[in-house]
Protein backbone atom coordinates (compact mmCIF):
# COMPACT_ATOMS: atom_id res chain seq x y z
CA MET A 1 -21.58 13.07 18.05
CA LEU A 2 -24.16 11.19 15.88
CA GLU A 3 -26.69 11.08 18.46
CA LYS A 4 -26.28 14.86 18.53
CA ILE A 5 -26.65 15.95 14.96
CA ASP A 6 -29.64 17.36 13.91
CA LEU A 7 -31.60 15.04 11.07
CA SER A 8 -34.47 17.34 9.97
CA LYS A 9 -32.49 19.26 7.48
CA LYS A 10 -34.26 19.48 3.93
CA MET A 11 -34.95 21.51 0.68
CA GLY A 12 -37.03 21.81 -1.57
CA LYS A 13 -36.94 20.26 -5.17
CA LYS A 14 -37.23 23.30 -6.61
CA ASP A 15 -34.14 24.53 -4.16
CA PHE A 16 -32.41 21.30 -5.26
CA LYS A 17 -32.71 21.61 -9.28
CA GLU A 18 -31.02 25.83 -8.84
CA ARG A 19 -28.67 24.51 -7.09
CA MET A 20 -27.80 21.37 -9.33
CA GLU A 21 -27.43 23.82 -11.81
CA VAL A 22 -25.01 25.70 -10.57
CA LEU A 23 -23.06 22.88 -9.18
CA ASP A 24 -23.20 20.47 -11.73
CA PRO A 25 -21.02 22.33 -14.53
CA GLU A 26 -18.28 23.29 -11.97
CA LEU A 27 -18.03 19.31 -10.56
CA GLY A 28 -17.48 18.21 -15.15
CA ARG A 29 -14.86 21.39 -14.85
CA LEU A 30 -12.99 20.14 -11.55
CA GLN A 31 -13.40 16.80 -13.48
CA ARG A 32 -11.26 17.62 -16.16
CA ALA A 33 -8.44 19.74 -14.37
CA CYS A 34 -7.47 17.01 -12.22
CA LYS A 35 -6.87 14.93 -14.76
CA GLU A 36 -5.13 17.57 -16.65
CA LYS A 37 -2.97 18.10 -13.27
CA GLY A 38 -2.58 14.48 -12.78
CA ILE A 39 -4.71 14.40 -9.04
CA PRO A 40 -5.92 11.34 -8.08
CA VAL A 41 -9.41 11.41 -6.44
CA ILE A 42 -10.64 8.97 -3.72
CA ILE A 43 -14.36 9.68 -2.29
CA VAL A 44 -15.28 7.48 0.28
CA PHE A 45 -18.86 6.41 1.46
CA GLU A 46 -20.05 5.16 4.94
CA GLY A 47 -23.16 4.99 6.54
CA PHE A 48 -25.87 2.79 7.43
CA GLY A 49 -27.86 -0.07 5.59
CA ALA A 50 -29.88 2.56 3.85
CA SER A 51 -28.90 5.52 4.23
CA GLY A 52 -28.80 6.20 0.71
CA LYS A 53 -24.94 5.89 -0.38
CA GLY A 54 -25.82 3.83 -3.63
CA THR A 55 -28.81 7.10 -4.32
CA MET A 56 -26.02 9.67 -3.02
CA ILE A 57 -23.50 7.65 -5.74
CA ASN A 58 -24.99 8.11 -8.72
CA ARG A 59 -25.73 11.73 -7.87
CA LEU A 60 -22.65 12.58 -7.80
CA ILE A 61 -21.74 10.64 -11.49
CA GLU A 62 -24.75 12.36 -13.08
CA PRO A 63 -22.89 15.58 -14.37
CA LEU A 64 -19.19 13.30 -14.71
CA ASP A 65 -17.29 11.88 -17.56
CA PRO A 66 -17.54 8.40 -17.59
CA ARG A 67 -14.14 7.07 -19.07
CA GLY A 68 -12.75 9.45 -16.17
CA PHE A 69 -13.92 7.50 -13.03
CA LYS A 70 -14.67 3.76 -11.48
CA VAL A 71 -17.36 3.11 -8.77
CA TYR A 72 -16.09 0.10 -6.63
CA THR A 73 -18.84 -1.63 -3.99
CA THR A 74 -17.03 -3.41 -1.12
CA GLN A 75 -18.58 -6.85 -0.09
CA SER A 76 -17.98 -9.20 2.35
CA GLU A 77 -14.51 -9.84 1.15
CA THR A 78 -13.41 -13.33 -1.05
CA LEU A 79 -11.66 -16.21 -0.31
CA GLU A 80 -9.02 -13.99 -2.38
CA GLU A 81 -8.89 -11.03 -0.52
CA HIS A 82 -9.04 -13.25 2.84
CA TYR A 83 -5.77 -14.60 2.45
CA ARG A 84 -3.89 -11.39 1.42
CA PRO A 85 -3.88 -8.06 4.62
CA PHE A 86 -6.65 -6.39 4.55
CA LEU A 87 -5.65 -3.47 2.44
CA TRP A 88 -4.14 -5.16 -0.38
CA ARG A 89 -7.98 -4.92 -1.79
CA PHE A 90 -8.40 -1.71 -1.57
CA TRP A 91 -4.75 -1.00 -3.01
CA ASN A 92 -5.90 -2.50 -6.24
CA MET A 93 -9.09 0.13 -6.21
CA MET A 94 -6.29 3.02 -6.34
CA PRO A 95 -7.17 5.51 -9.05
CA GLU A 96 -4.44 7.15 -11.77
CA LYS A 97 -2.94 10.18 -11.49
CA GLY A 98 -5.98 12.57 -13.05
CA ARG A 99 -9.26 9.89 -12.41
CA ILE A 100 -11.23 9.25 -9.42
CA SER A 101 -12.28 6.57 -7.45
CA VAL A 102 -15.44 5.85 -5.80
CA LEU A 103 -16.55 3.37 -2.79
CA ASP A 104 -19.65 2.19 -1.97
CA ARG A 105 -18.03 0.98 1.41
CA SER A 106 -13.94 1.17 1.63
CA TRP A 107 -11.63 0.10 4.51
CA TYR A 108 -13.43 1.10 7.19
CA ARG A 109 -15.26 -2.42 6.86
CA ILE A 110 -13.48 -4.18 9.23
CA LEU A 111 -14.24 -1.60 11.89
CA LEU A 112 -17.70 -1.09 11.36
CA ASN A 113 -19.87 -4.10 9.68
CA ASP A 114 -17.25 -6.90 10.15
CA ARG A 115 -16.48 -5.65 13.34
CA PHE A 116 -20.56 -5.61 15.03
CA ASP A 117 -21.14 -9.08 13.20
CA LYS A 118 -17.76 -10.42 15.54
CA LYS A 119 -15.90 -10.92 11.89
CA THR A 120 -12.92 -8.75 13.28
CA THR A 121 -10.79 -10.01 15.16
CA GLU A 122 -9.10 -8.92 18.41
CA LYS A 123 -6.10 -8.94 16.69
CA GLN A 124 -7.17 -7.13 14.02
CA LEU A 125 -8.85 -4.06 16.01
CA GLY A 126 -5.64 -3.22 18.13
CA TYR A 127 -3.58 -2.38 14.63
CA ALA A 128 -6.58 -1.73 11.63
CA PHE A 129 -7.57 1.50 13.28
CA ASP A 130 -3.49 2.96 13.20
CA GLU A 131 -3.35 0.90 9.73
CA ILE A 132 -6.21 2.85 8.21
CA VAL A 133 -4.55 6.52 9.30
CA SER A 134 -1.42 6.02 8.18
CA PHE A 135 -2.62 3.88 5.17
CA GLU A 136 -4.80 7.35 4.92
CA LYS A 137 -1.83 9.74 5.57
CA LEU A 138 1.05 7.77 3.02
CA LEU A 139 -2.07 9.07 0.25
CA THR A 140 -2.73 12.12 1.07
CA ASP A 141 1.08 13.00 1.68
CA ASP A 142 0.96 11.98 -2.65
CA GLY A 143 -0.78 13.34 -3.54
CA VAL A 144 -4.22 11.54 -3.47
CA VAL A 145 -7.28 13.96 -2.23
CA ILE A 146 -9.47 11.49 0.08
CA ILE A 147 -12.99 12.83 0.67
CA LYS A 148 -14.81 10.68 3.38
CA PHE A 149 -18.14 10.79 3.82
CA PHE A 150 -20.67 9.02 6.54
CA LEU A 151 -24.52 9.21 5.97
CA HIS A 152 -26.43 9.32 8.75
CA ILE A 153 -30.12 8.34 9.34
CA SER A 154 -32.26 7.82 12.66
CA GLN A 155 -33.14 4.00 13.94
CA LYS A 156 -36.99 4.90 12.87
CA GLU A 157 -35.92 5.97 9.93
CA GLN A 158 -34.02 3.17 8.61
CA ALA A 159 -36.83 1.00 9.39
CA LYS A 160 -39.31 2.63 7.63
CA ARG A 161 -36.52 2.34 4.45
CA PHE A 162 -36.21 -1.50 4.94
CA LYS A 163 -39.85 -1.67 5.01
CA ALA A 164 -39.99 0.25 1.80
CA LEU A 165 -37.13 -2.38 0.43
CA LEU A 166 -38.69 -5.35 2.05
CA ASP A 167 -42.19 -4.43 0.72
CA SER A 168 -41.31 -5.58 -3.02
CA LYS A 169 -40.31 -7.84 -4.40
CA GLU A 170 -37.68 -6.18 -6.99
CA THR A 171 -36.07 -4.78 -3.79
CA ALA A 172 -36.52 -6.86 -0.79
CA TRP A 173 -32.84 -8.30 -1.51
CA ARG A 174 -31.90 -5.45 -0.49
CA VAL A 175 -32.35 -6.37 3.25
CA THR A 176 -30.10 -9.08 5.31
CA GLU A 177 -30.32 -10.54 8.26
CA ASP A 178 -27.81 -8.78 9.12
CA ASP A 179 -28.81 -5.51 8.40
CA LYS A 180 -32.26 -6.43 10.41
CA LYS A 181 -29.84 -7.26 13.28
CA ARG A 182 -27.58 -3.68 13.29
CA ASN A 183 -31.09 -2.00 13.00
CA LYS A 184 -31.92 -3.38 16.15
CA HIS A 185 -29.01 -2.85 18.22
CA PHE A 186 -28.66 0.11 16.14
CA ASP A 187 -27.37 1.52 19.74
CA GLU A 188 -24.30 -0.16 19.78
CA PHE A 189 -23.44 0.21 15.98
CA LEU A 190 -24.42 3.63 16.73
CA ARG A 191 -21.76 3.63 19.18
CA ILE A 192 -19.09 1.99 17.08
CA ASN A 193 -19.46 4.74 14.33
CA GLU A 194 -19.08 6.95 16.91
CA GLU A 195 -15.34 5.61 17.66
CA MET A 196 -15.01 4.87 14.07
CA LEU A 197 -15.14 8.45 12.97
CA GLN A 198 -13.16 9.63 16.57
CA LYS A 199 -10.16 7.67 15.59
CA THR A 200 -9.95 8.37 11.98
CA ASP A 201 -10.95 11.64 11.63
CA ARG A 202 -7.95 13.76 10.26
CA ASP A 203 -6.67 17.36 8.72
CA ASN A 204 -6.07 15.17 6.31
CA ALA A 205 -8.58 12.91 5.50
CA PRO A 206 -11.71 14.51 7.42
CA TRP A 207 -15.34 13.03 8.08
CA HIS A 208 -18.09 14.70 6.30
CA VAL A 209 -21.31 13.26 7.83
CA ILE A 210 -23.75 14.18 5.99
CA GLU A 211 -27.92 14.33 7.21
CA ALA A 212 -29.33 11.82 4.79
CA GLN A 213 -32.95 11.52 5.91
CA ASP A 214 -33.82 14.26 3.08
CA ARG A 215 -32.55 12.80 -0.21
CA GLU A 216 -32.54 16.52 -2.10
CA TYR A 217 -30.77 18.04 1.01
CA ALA A 218 -28.30 15.23 1.37
CA ALA A 219 -27.51 14.97 -2.49
CA ALA A 220 -26.90 18.97 -2.16
CA LYS A 221 -24.26 18.15 0.57
CA VAL A 222 -22.31 16.10 -1.29
CA VAL A 223 -22.12 17.54 -4.33
CA SER A 224 -21.24 20.67 -2.31
CA THR A 225 -17.98 19.10 -0.51
CA VAL A 226 -16.53 17.06 -3.32
CA VAL A 227 -16.83 20.39 -5.27
CA ASN A 228 -14.75 22.35 -2.65
CA CYS A 229 -12.54 20.03 -1.56
CA LEU A 230 -11.86 19.88 -5.65
CA GLN A 231 -11.20 23.47 -5.89
CA GLU A 232 -8.99 23.03 -2.73
CA ALA A 233 -7.53 20.29 -4.31
CA ILE A 234 -5.79 22.67 -7.63
CA ARG A 235 -4.98 26.04 -5.85
CA ALA A 236 -2.92 23.62 -3.09
CA LYS A 237 -1.30 21.91 -6.76
CA GLU A 238 -0.64 25.03 -8.05
CA ARG A 239 0.95 26.09 -5.20
CA ARG A 240 2.94 23.19 -4.88
CA ASP A 241 3.85 23.01 -8.76
CA ALA A 242 4.74 27.21 -8.26
CA LEU A 243 7.38 25.86 -5.56
CA PRO A 244 11.61 26.31 -6.67
CA LYS A 245 12.65 22.78 -6.81
CA LEU A 246 16.06 21.63 -6.07
CA PRO A 247 18.48 20.10 -8.64
CA PRO A 248 19.01 16.55 -7.94
CA GLU A 249 22.34 16.96 -5.84
CA GLU A 250 20.87 19.37 -3.49
CA SER A 251 17.87 17.14 -2.98
CA ALA A 252 19.98 14.40 -2.34
CA GLN A 253 21.38 15.05 0.50
CA ILE A 254 24.24 13.15 0.32
CA ARG A 255 26.96 14.20 2.91
CA GLN A 256 30.81 12.43 3.87
CA ASP A 257 29.95 12.41 7.57
CA PRO A 258 32.88 10.89 9.76
CA TYR A 259 30.55 10.80 12.57
CA ARG A 260 27.15 9.07 11.01
CA THR A 261 25.73 5.94 11.79
CA SER A 262 27.16 2.77 9.48
CA ALA A 263 25.91 -0.82 9.44
CA LEU A 264 28.42 -1.50 6.47
CA ALA A 265 31.27 0.02 7.95
CA GLY A 266 32.02 -3.57 9.95
CA VAL A 267 30.99 -5.97 7.44
CA ASN A 268 33.71 -8.83 7.50
CA LEU A 269 33.70 -9.82 3.52
CA ASN A 270 36.79 -11.90 4.33
CA LYS A 271 34.04 -14.27 4.81
CA ALA A 272 34.33 -17.80 3.03
CA LEU A 273 33.49 -21.44 2.25
CA ASP A 274 35.10 -24.41 -0.36
CA LYS A 275 33.48 -25.97 -2.69
CA GLU A 276 33.03 -29.25 -0.64
CA GLU A 277 31.18 -27.82 2.33
CA TYR A 278 28.99 -25.48 0.19
CA LYS A 279 27.81 -28.41 -1.91
CA ALA A 280 26.87 -30.16 0.99
CA ARG A 281 25.11 -27.22 3.28
CA LEU A 282 23.40 -26.11 -0.04
CA ARG A 283 21.83 -30.07 -0.42
CA ASP A 284 20.44 -29.84 3.36
CA LEU A 285 19.45 -26.34 3.08
CA GLN A 286 17.49 -27.18 -0.28
CA ALA A 287 16.45 -30.45 1.43
CA ARG A 288 14.76 -28.58 4.55
CA ILE A 289 13.24 -25.34 2.35
CA SER A 290 11.16 -28.15 0.48
CA VAL A 291 10.12 -29.12 3.24
CA LEU A 292 9.07 -25.91 4.86
CA HIS A 293 7.42 -24.84 1.70
CA ASN A 294 5.32 -27.04 2.33
CA GLU A 295 4.24 -26.20 5.56
CA VAL A 296 3.91 -22.61 4.96
CA TYR A 297 1.74 -23.62 2.86
CA LYS A 298 -0.90 -26.00 4.82
CA ARG A 299 -0.14 -23.28 7.43
CA ARG A 300 -1.35 -20.33 4.65
CA ILE A 301 1.89 -18.15 5.91
CA PRO A 302 3.00 -15.19 3.46
CA VAL A 303 6.80 -15.04 2.99
CA ILE A 304 8.23 -12.22 1.46
CA LEU A 305 12.06 -12.02 0.38
CA ALA A 306 13.05 -8.89 -0.80
CA PHE A 307 17.11 -8.27 -2.92
CA GLU A 308 18.85 -5.47 -1.96
CA GLY A 309 22.21 -5.56 -3.11
CA TRP A 310 25.29 -3.31 -5.03
CA ASP A 311 25.15 -4.36 -9.02
CA ALA A 312 27.26 -8.05 -9.09
CA GLY A 313 26.61 -8.38 -5.23
CA GLY A 314 24.87 -12.25 -6.09
CA LYS A 315 21.48 -11.48 -5.81
CA GLY A 316 20.25 -13.62 -8.69
CA GLY A 317 22.91 -16.50 -7.29
CA ALA A 318 20.57 -16.00 -3.92
CA ILE A 319 18.29 -16.41 -5.74
CA LYS A 320 18.56 -19.60 -7.76
CA ARG A 321 19.59 -21.44 -5.05
CA LEU A 322 16.73 -20.68 -2.85
CA THR A 323 13.97 -21.46 -5.11
CA GLN A 324 15.31 -24.13 -7.01
CA ALA A 325 13.88 -26.43 -3.83
CA MET A 326 10.09 -24.78 -4.11
CA ASP A 327 7.40 -25.67 -5.89
CA PRO A 328 7.27 -23.35 -8.60
CA ARG A 329 3.04 -23.09 -8.08
CA GLY A 330 3.77 -21.70 -4.49
CA TYR A 331 6.36 -19.39 -5.24
CA GLU A 332 6.70 -15.85 -7.76
CA VAL A 333 10.12 -14.42 -8.39
CA HIS A 334 9.48 -10.31 -9.01
CA PRO A 335 12.48 -8.42 -11.10
CA VAL A 336 11.81 -4.92 -10.51
CA SER A 337 12.66 -2.34 -12.73
CA ALA A 338 12.72 0.99 -13.26
CA PRO A 339 8.87 1.68 -12.88
CA ASN A 340 6.62 1.95 -16.21
CA ASP A 341 3.78 4.79 -16.88
CA ILE A 342 1.06 3.02 -15.57
CA GLU A 343 3.28 2.28 -12.29
CA LYS A 344 4.32 5.91 -12.63
CA ALA A 345 1.19 7.14 -12.51
CA HIS A 346 0.63 5.63 -9.32
CA HIS A 347 1.99 5.62 -6.05
CA TYR A 348 5.01 3.97 -5.87
CA LEU A 349 4.21 1.42 -2.97
CA TRP A 350 1.20 0.11 -5.49
CA ARG A 351 3.35 -2.02 -7.77
CA PHE A 352 4.42 -3.81 -4.68
CA TRP A 353 1.46 -3.42 -2.48
CA THR A 354 -0.28 -5.54 -5.71
CA ALA A 355 2.02 -7.87 -5.70
CA LEU A 356 1.73 -9.40 -2.29
CA PRO A 357 1.94 -13.12 -2.37
CA LYS A 358 -1.85 -14.90 -0.92
CA ALA A 359 -1.17 -16.95 2.56
CA GLY A 360 0.73 -19.76 2.17
CA HIS A 361 3.10 -18.70 -0.94
CA ILE A 362 5.98 -16.89 -1.66
CA ALA A 363 6.70 -13.53 -3.22
CA ILE A 364 10.94 -12.86 -4.02
CA PHE A 365 11.63 -9.20 -4.90
CA ASP A 366 14.82 -8.98 -6.61
CA ARG A 367 14.92 -5.55 -5.62
CA SER A 368 12.58 -3.70 -4.79
CA TRP A 369 10.48 -0.25 -2.75
CA TYR A 370 13.82 0.39 -1.27
CA GLY A 371 14.47 1.88 -4.63
CA ARG A 372 13.01 5.15 -3.34
CA VAL A 373 15.47 5.66 -0.75
CA MET A 374 18.41 4.93 -2.86
CA VAL A 375 18.03 5.25 -6.93
CA GLU A 376 15.53 7.36 -6.93
CA ARG A 377 16.79 9.57 -4.16
CA ILE A 378 20.28 8.76 -5.43
CA GLU A 379 19.38 10.31 -9.31
CA GLY A 380 16.78 12.60 -8.33
CA PHE A 381 13.70 11.22 -9.43
CA CYS A 382 12.15 11.82 -5.85
CA THR A 383 12.21 14.55 -4.00
CA GLU A 384 14.38 15.56 -0.29
CA GLU A 385 10.63 14.92 0.97
CA GLU A 386 9.68 12.46 -0.52
CA TRP A 387 12.54 10.18 0.18
CA ARG A 388 12.77 10.83 3.77
CA ARG A 389 9.11 9.79 4.65
CA ALA A 390 9.60 7.07 2.63
CA TYR A 391 11.43 5.67 5.44
CA LYS A 392 8.46 5.95 7.78
CA GLU A 393 6.27 4.37 4.90
CA ILE A 394 8.11 2.11 4.24
CA ASN A 395 7.74 0.64 7.67
CA ALA A 396 4.11 0.99 8.01
CA MET A 397 3.63 -1.19 5.26
CA GLU A 398 6.22 -3.81 6.20
CA GLU A 399 4.29 -4.00 9.53
CA SER A 400 0.58 -3.99 8.36
CA TRP A 401 2.16 -7.45 6.30
CA ALA A 402 3.83 -9.12 9.69
CA ASN A 403 0.52 -7.78 11.37
CA ASP A 404 -1.50 -10.32 8.94
CA GLY A 405 1.61 -13.01 9.75
CA ALA A 406 3.50 -12.68 6.49
CA VAL A 407 7.45 -13.62 7.69
CA VAL A 408 9.13 -10.87 6.23
CA LEU A 409 12.76 -10.46 5.43
CA LYS A 410 15.41 -8.14 3.41
CA PHE A 411 18.99 -9.03 2.44
CA TRP A 412 21.42 -6.41 1.94
CA MET A 413 24.15 -8.50 0.16
CA GLN A 414 27.00 -6.75 0.41
CA ILE A 415 30.65 -6.99 -1.53
CA ASP A 416 32.97 -4.59 -2.22
CA LYS A 417 34.03 -2.19 -4.89
CA GLU A 418 37.40 -4.14 -6.04
CA GLU A 419 35.52 -7.10 -6.16
CA GLN A 420 32.48 -6.02 -8.21
CA GLU A 421 34.94 -4.06 -10.62
CA ARG A 422 36.84 -8.20 -10.92
CA ARG A 423 32.80 -9.59 -11.50
CA PHE A 424 31.77 -6.35 -13.77
CA LYS A 425 34.76 -7.42 -16.19
CA GLU A 426 34.57 -11.37 -15.82
CA ARG A 427 31.02 -10.68 -17.49
CA GLN A 428 31.54 -8.49 -20.21
CA GLU A 429 34.96 -11.13 -21.53
CA ASN A 430 32.11 -13.73 -21.11
CA PRO A 431 29.86 -13.76 -24.31
CA ASP A 432 26.78 -15.99 -22.00
CA LYS A 433 27.23 -13.16 -19.23
CA GLN A 434 27.72 -9.75 -20.79
CA TRP A 435 23.38 -9.29 -20.93
CA LYS A 436 24.35 -8.86 -17.45
CA ILE A 437 26.72 -5.44 -17.79
CA THR A 438 25.58 -2.09 -18.90
CA GLU A 439 26.52 1.42 -18.89
CA GLU A 440 24.45 2.10 -16.73
CA ASP A 441 26.57 -0.56 -13.44
CA TRP A 442 29.48 1.34 -15.44
CA ARG A 443 27.90 4.72 -14.27
CA ASN A 444 26.04 4.19 -10.76
CA ARG A 445 29.55 2.26 -9.99
CA ALA A 446 31.35 5.84 -10.10
CA LYS A 447 28.88 6.81 -7.47
CA TRP A 448 29.42 4.44 -4.72
CA ASP A 449 30.00 7.02 -2.42
CA ALA A 450 26.53 8.18 -2.20
CA TYR A 451 25.10 5.31 -2.85
CA GLU A 452 27.02 4.03 0.16
CA VAL A 453 25.59 6.86 2.40
CA ALA A 454 22.39 6.20 1.29
CA VAL A 455 22.44 2.49 2.15
CA ASP A 456 23.53 2.25 5.64
CA GLU A 457 21.26 5.49 6.16
CA MET A 458 18.48 2.96 4.83
CA LEU A 459 19.45 -0.02 7.09
CA VAL A 460 19.96 1.97 10.13
CA HIS A 461 16.14 3.38 9.59
CA THR A 462 14.21 0.29 8.35
CA SER A 463 15.14 -2.77 10.14
CA THR A 464 13.22 -3.78 12.30
CA THR A 465 11.72 -6.36 14.29
CA TYR A 466 8.99 -7.56 12.21
CA ALA A 467 11.23 -7.14 8.61
CA PRO A 468 14.79 -7.23 9.60
CA TRP A 469 17.85 -6.20 7.21
CA ILE A 470 20.04 -9.39 7.13
CA ILE A 471 23.42 -7.92 5.95
CA VAL A 472 25.09 -10.94 3.83
CA GLU A 473 28.87 -10.80 3.36
CA ALA A 474 28.64 -12.07 -0.36
CA ASN A 475 32.35 -11.17 -1.65
CA ASP A 476 32.02 -14.82 -1.26
CA LYS A 477 29.26 -16.46 -4.07
CA TYR A 478 29.05 -20.31 -1.93
CA TYR A 479 28.85 -18.39 1.76
CA ALA A 480 26.02 -15.92 0.63
CA ARG A 481 23.94 -18.76 -0.63
CA ILE A 482 24.14 -20.07 2.05
CA LYS A 483 23.64 -17.24 4.64
CA VAL A 484 20.43 -17.03 3.12
CA LEU A 485 19.42 -19.88 3.13
CA GLU A 486 19.78 -20.15 6.67
CA THR A 487 18.90 -17.00 7.38
CA VAL A 488 15.35 -18.34 5.04
CA VAL A 489 14.95 -21.77 7.08
CA SER A 490 15.88 -19.74 10.93
CA ALA A 491 13.16 -17.25 10.04
CA ILE A 492 10.01 -19.63 8.60
CA GLU A 493 10.76 -22.78 11.49
CA LYS A 494 10.56 -20.13 13.78
CA ARG A 495 7.52 -18.62 12.27
CA LEU A 496 6.04 -22.27 12.66
CA LYS A 497 6.93 -22.67 16.40
């Protein structure tokens, strides 16, 4: 594709000026409209070295309000980034609703420069294409506008620009040995870029190839493309906003189907341990966890544990026994509640991606990203379309973590309705535990049947080989805590082997 593109296109300075006099005010207006309508925008610049990415970015942002955008430059990954999945740093660049992120190189680096320089492993290459396509689909489904530019120049033009940069002391630093190597092996690098463009060009996030030999022509095409994309995004948002909204009870789609597939129906909640056996097994397991925690750090293995369950199901008690034997410098517990204003302004998975542990550390989530398919679904905080597609989005996210070498486990703390009522009353009667019980807990209890259906569907749709659900029989707290610890120990030991 790239070798067939006509790179001789030019635009005179007069025509360029006249064109910008129309486009610039419109771009400024569209930025304000996107802010008003809460539309987040990501503009990605990729292309050959010296193709003018910095120049294009500077020209693009000229008519924009600087308070509404941020420019990111993606260099080789830092040590902090190296110890996390490759998409982690880009989740940290995600714009809030109504803001614009401009990326000078992006998540495609793993498929381009890093691949050419042999920094991308064969294993990474095996899953990176699919992860990137899935990542972009997840964002655009949530209303993010992604505009991707590839700036194309010839090998001869690139060599000419490199020479001009090298001839000046002020700019020579911009041309690296790797740049020279890619120019020398231009055909090989061209093939890598061709493959990337073909495999990641999608209707939801298409590539716009920019003929960048002539800077005026390139700048006019970039700005014009952004204007057209934002105009269409605003029209699409207006069409979506005009659609009738289903009431929460219809959007939740909760039906008591006697033939539904159930993961909870056959759980034996009579399992129990006596206190002496519990204490003995707890001591043994905590000693093993202490050793394994050190090994996890030495081997740089990330561990991600998510705890869900009925209110008063024993999540806190299990987490406490799990962490008692761990070095506090090597783990973090994230209590997850309703999203705050900043979190609401981002994709619902943003706050979990940005909380990922670096390799060798453990992240424990007391409630998690599964709120989308439980409480948000039941209470009508998201649409039916949103919670239905969340199953696939969550599976893809967890697979990405597993691809990066993480141990991912998810615990569902299962108790019956009678045991929950007993624990609620115990909390109310104990002054030291009254803070644990709220009116919302009782209100949620009234929706037990609806939540049970949602939980069953969640377990069936999202228990995978790389991120399994473990249903914990939790009517007996001793048994539940030991099962959680045994599961974590077994999974880490298996991973270490």
